Amino acid sequence: MRKVLYIFGQLSDEDVNWISNNAIKENINTGSFLIKENEHVDKIYFLIRGRLSITSKASEDKEIARLKSGEVIGEMSFVDALPPSATVKAVEDSIVISLDRNLLIDKLEEDYEFASHFYKALAIFLSSRLRSTTSMLGYGKVVDKLEEKNYEDEVDPNVLENLSLAGDRFTRLIDDFS
């Protein structure tokens, strides 16, 4: 559930209420595609139940990640409006909530406070992902054996401050769609 904490830790309760009132619940059956590589995406998704697999042609269609509840999907295509660089497929029956791209853009353009919270959350989220990817690829300094290592499930300090609030907000959102 770590990734959604980046988003919901920065948003206000009012922001989360707007998402809840404007998101749509979608059931994704096992084997169905949520996103296909290089095909336009007009939504951003929050995985609230199930598991999804990410593959890409660059990895010869081998699984490069497995997503579980609390993941955010389609955020890169939302930010840069380019087609997705990977395919996302359900490996078990799953539930996502989706926000329409145009509806979200309208909200961001008319509500500067919401926009500030949302874009800050995305920046923190994407920065964390880039750091993780950079580390996995072996770039940067070698970790000294005495230094504390970053573990996959470790929560980033940027999120820690609002961790409880973020978890409560996401739980309320799940309850709204259950």
Protein backbone atom coordinates (compact mmCIF):
# COMPACT_ATOMS: atom_id res chain seq x y z
CA MET A 1 0.00 0.00 0.00
CA ARG A 2 3.06 2.23 0.05
CA LYS A 3 2.60 4.16 -3.23
CA VAL A 4 -0.88 5.51 -2.52
CA LEU A 5 0.48 6.95 0.73
CA TYR A 6 2.53 9.41 -1.31
CA ILE A 7 -0.65 10.72 -2.89
CA PHE A 8 -3.06 10.60 0.04
CA GLY A 9 -0.46 11.93 2.48
CA GLN A 10 -0.29 15.20 0.55
CA LEU A 11 -3.98 15.60 -0.24
CA SER A 12 -6.48 17.12 2.18
CA ASP A 13 -9.65 15.38 3.32
CA GLU A 14 -11.57 17.70 0.99
CA ASP A 15 -9.34 16.61 -1.93
CA VAL A 16 -9.94 12.93 -1.15
CA ASN A 17 -13.69 13.57 -0.93
CA TRP A 18 -13.58 15.08 -4.42
CA ILE A 19 -11.77 11.98 -5.71
CA SER A 20 -14.31 9.73 -4.02
CA ASN A 21 -17.21 11.66 -5.55
CA ASN A 22 -15.72 11.65 -9.05
CA ALA A 23 -13.95 8.30 -9.35
CA ILE A 24 -15.51 5.25 -10.93
CA LYS A 25 -15.15 1.71 -9.62
CA GLU A 26 -13.98 -0.78 -12.26
CA ASN A 27 -13.78 -4.55 -11.92
CA ILE A 28 -10.85 -6.07 -13.80
CA ASN A 29 -11.15 -9.82 -14.42
CA THR A 30 -8.15 -12.12 -14.27
CA GLY A 31 -6.32 -11.98 -17.61
CA SER A 32 -7.87 -8.65 -18.63
CA PHE A 33 -5.73 -5.67 -19.59
CA LEU A 34 -6.04 -2.42 -17.69
CA ILE A 35 -3.42 -0.65 -19.82
CA LYS A 36 -1.71 -1.71 -23.02
CA GLU A 37 1.74 -0.48 -23.93
CA ASN A 38 1.72 2.35 -26.51
CA GLU A 39 -2.09 2.69 -26.42
CA HIS A 40 -3.51 5.99 -25.17
CA VAL A 41 -4.72 6.10 -21.56
CA ASP A 42 -7.35 8.62 -20.51
CA LYS A 43 -7.50 7.73 -16.81
CA ILE A 44 -5.40 7.50 -13.70
CA TYR A 45 -6.08 4.44 -11.52
CA PHE A 46 -5.83 3.46 -7.87
CA LEU A 47 -5.70 -0.29 -7.22
CA ILE A 48 -7.93 -1.04 -4.25
CA ARG A 49 -8.06 -4.83 -4.44
CA GLY A 50 -6.29 -7.59 -6.35
CA ARG A 51 -2.98 -7.96 -8.16
CA LEU A 52 -1.75 -6.64 -11.47
CA SER A 53 1.31 -7.54 -13.51
CA ILE A 54 3.44 -5.06 -15.45
CA THR A 55 5.29 -6.13 -18.58
CA SER A 56 6.93 -4.28 -21.44
CA LYS A 57 8.32 -5.05 -24.85
CA ALA A 58 11.67 -3.70 -23.64
CA SER A 59 11.76 -6.56 -21.12
CA GLU A 60 10.67 -9.04 -23.80
CA ASP A 61 7.21 -9.14 -22.15
CA LYS A 62 8.64 -10.60 -18.94
CA GLU A 63 7.04 -9.38 -15.73
CA ILE A 64 8.91 -6.36 -14.41
CA ALA A 65 6.65 -5.62 -11.44
CA ARG A 66 3.65 -6.94 -9.56
CA LEU A 67 1.21 -4.41 -8.14
CA LYS A 68 -1.07 -4.83 -5.14
CA SER A 69 -3.59 -2.72 -3.27
CA GLY A 70 -2.51 0.87 -2.87
CA GLU A 71 -0.68 1.25 -6.16
CA VAL A 72 -1.18 4.18 -8.51
CA ILE A 73 -1.33 3.35 -12.21
CA GLY A 74 -1.22 5.59 -15.26
CA GLU A 75 0.36 8.55 -13.49
CA MET A 76 3.23 8.90 -15.98
CA SER A 77 0.87 9.12 -18.94
CA PHE A 78 -1.23 11.58 -16.97
CA VAL A 79 1.76 13.85 -16.40
CA ASP A 80 3.26 13.79 -19.89
CA ALA A 81 0.23 12.74 -22.01
CA LEU A 82 2.34 10.12 -23.80
CA PRO A 83 1.21 6.53 -24.35
CA PRO A 84 2.20 4.13 -21.56
CA SER A 85 5.57 2.43 -21.71
CA ALA A 86 4.25 -0.82 -20.23
CA THR A 87 1.27 -3.17 -20.20
CA VAL A 88 -0.77 -3.73 -17.03
CA LYS A 89 -2.75 -6.97 -16.77
CA ALA A 90 -4.81 -8.49 -13.95
CA VAL A 91 -3.30 -11.68 -12.53
CA GLU A 92 -6.33 -12.08 -10.28
CA ASP A 93 -9.75 -10.46 -10.14
CA SER A 94 -9.05 -6.87 -9.17
CA ILE A 95 -10.83 -3.63 -8.41
CA VAL A 96 -9.54 -0.20 -9.37
CA ILE A 97 -11.05 3.20 -9.09
CA SER A 98 -10.39 5.48 -12.02
CA LEU A 99 -10.39 9.21 -12.51
CA ASP A 100 -11.06 10.52 -15.98
CA ARG A 101 -8.10 12.53 -17.30
CA ASN A 102 -10.21 15.45 -18.59
CA LEU A 103 -12.25 15.70 -15.39
CA LEU A 104 -9.07 15.71 -13.31
CA ILE A 105 -7.45 18.33 -15.54
CA ASP A 106 -10.53 20.56 -15.19
CA LYS A 107 -10.33 20.23 -11.39
CA LEU A 108 -6.61 21.02 -11.40
CA GLU A 109 -7.16 24.11 -13.54
CA GLU A 110 -9.97 25.52 -11.39
CA ASP A 111 -8.79 24.57 -7.89
CA TYR A 112 -5.24 25.78 -7.28
CA GLU A 113 -5.05 24.36 -3.76
CA PHE A 114 -6.04 20.90 -4.99
CA ALA A 115 -3.57 21.26 -7.89
CA SER A 116 -0.77 22.18 -5.50
CA HIS A 117 -1.45 19.15 -3.30
CA PHE A 118 -1.90 16.77 -6.24
CA TYR A 119 1.22 17.82 -8.16
CA LYS A 120 3.36 17.82 -5.01
CA ALA A 121 2.15 14.28 -4.30
CA LEU A 122 2.98 13.17 -7.84
CA ALA A 123 6.42 14.79 -7.64
CA ILE A 124 7.25 12.97 -4.40
CA PHE A 125 5.86 9.71 -5.78
CA LEU A 126 7.77 9.89 -9.08
CA SER A 127 10.96 11.05 -7.36
CA SER A 128 10.82 8.05 -5.04
CA ARG A 129 10.31 5.72 -7.99
CA LEU A 130 13.26 7.25 -9.86
CA ARG A 131 15.51 6.91 -6.81
CA SER A 132 14.48 3.28 -6.42
CA THR A 133 15.06 2.53 -10.10
CA THR A 134 18.41 4.31 -10.09
CA SER A 135 19.46 2.32 -7.05
CA MET A 136 18.34 -1.00 -8.60
CA LEU A 137 20.35 -0.24 -11.74
CA GLY A 138 23.44 0.35 -9.62
CA TYR A 139 23.92 4.04 -10.35
CA GLY A 140 25.29 6.33 -7.70
CA LYS A 141 27.49 5.46 -4.78
CA VAL A 142 27.92 1.95 -3.49
CA VAL A 143 26.19 1.48 -0.14
CA ASP A 144 28.69 1.20 2.68
CA LYS A 145 28.12 -1.93 4.75
CA LEU A 146 27.72 0.23 7.85
CA GLU A 147 25.07 2.45 6.22
CA GLU A 148 21.42 1.65 6.70
CA LYS A 149 19.97 0.04 3.58
CA ASN A 150 16.66 1.04 2.00
CA TYR A 151 14.22 -1.83 2.04
CA GLU A 152 11.39 -2.22 -0.48
CA ASP A 153 8.62 -1.85 2.12
CA GLU A 154 10.30 1.00 3.97
CA VAL A 155 8.25 4.19 4.00
CA ASP A 156 9.94 7.32 2.70
CA PRO A 157 10.43 10.08 5.34
CA ASN A 158 8.45 12.47 3.10
CA VAL A 159 5.40 10.29 3.69
CA LEU A 160 6.03 9.34 7.30
CA GLU A 161 4.72 12.66 8.61
CA ASN A 162 1.24 12.01 7.18
CA LEU A 163 1.28 8.21 7.19
CA SER A 164 -1.65 7.75 9.54
CA LEU A 165 -3.77 10.32 7.70
CA ALA A 166 -2.88 8.83 4.33
CA GLY A 167 -3.82 5.33 5.46
CA ASP A 168 -7.11 6.53 6.93
CA ARG A 169 -7.94 8.45 3.75
CA PHE A 170 -7.22 5.48 1.52
CA THR A 171 -9.24 3.17 3.78
CA ARG A 172 -12.20 5.58 3.60
CA LEU A 173 -11.90 5.65 -0.18
CA ILE A 174 -11.91 1.84 -0.32
CA ASP A 175 -14.97 1.79 1.96
CA ASP A 176 -16.73 4.27 -0.35
CA PHE A 177 -16.34 1.81 -3.23
CA SER A 178 -16.97 -1.46 -1.38
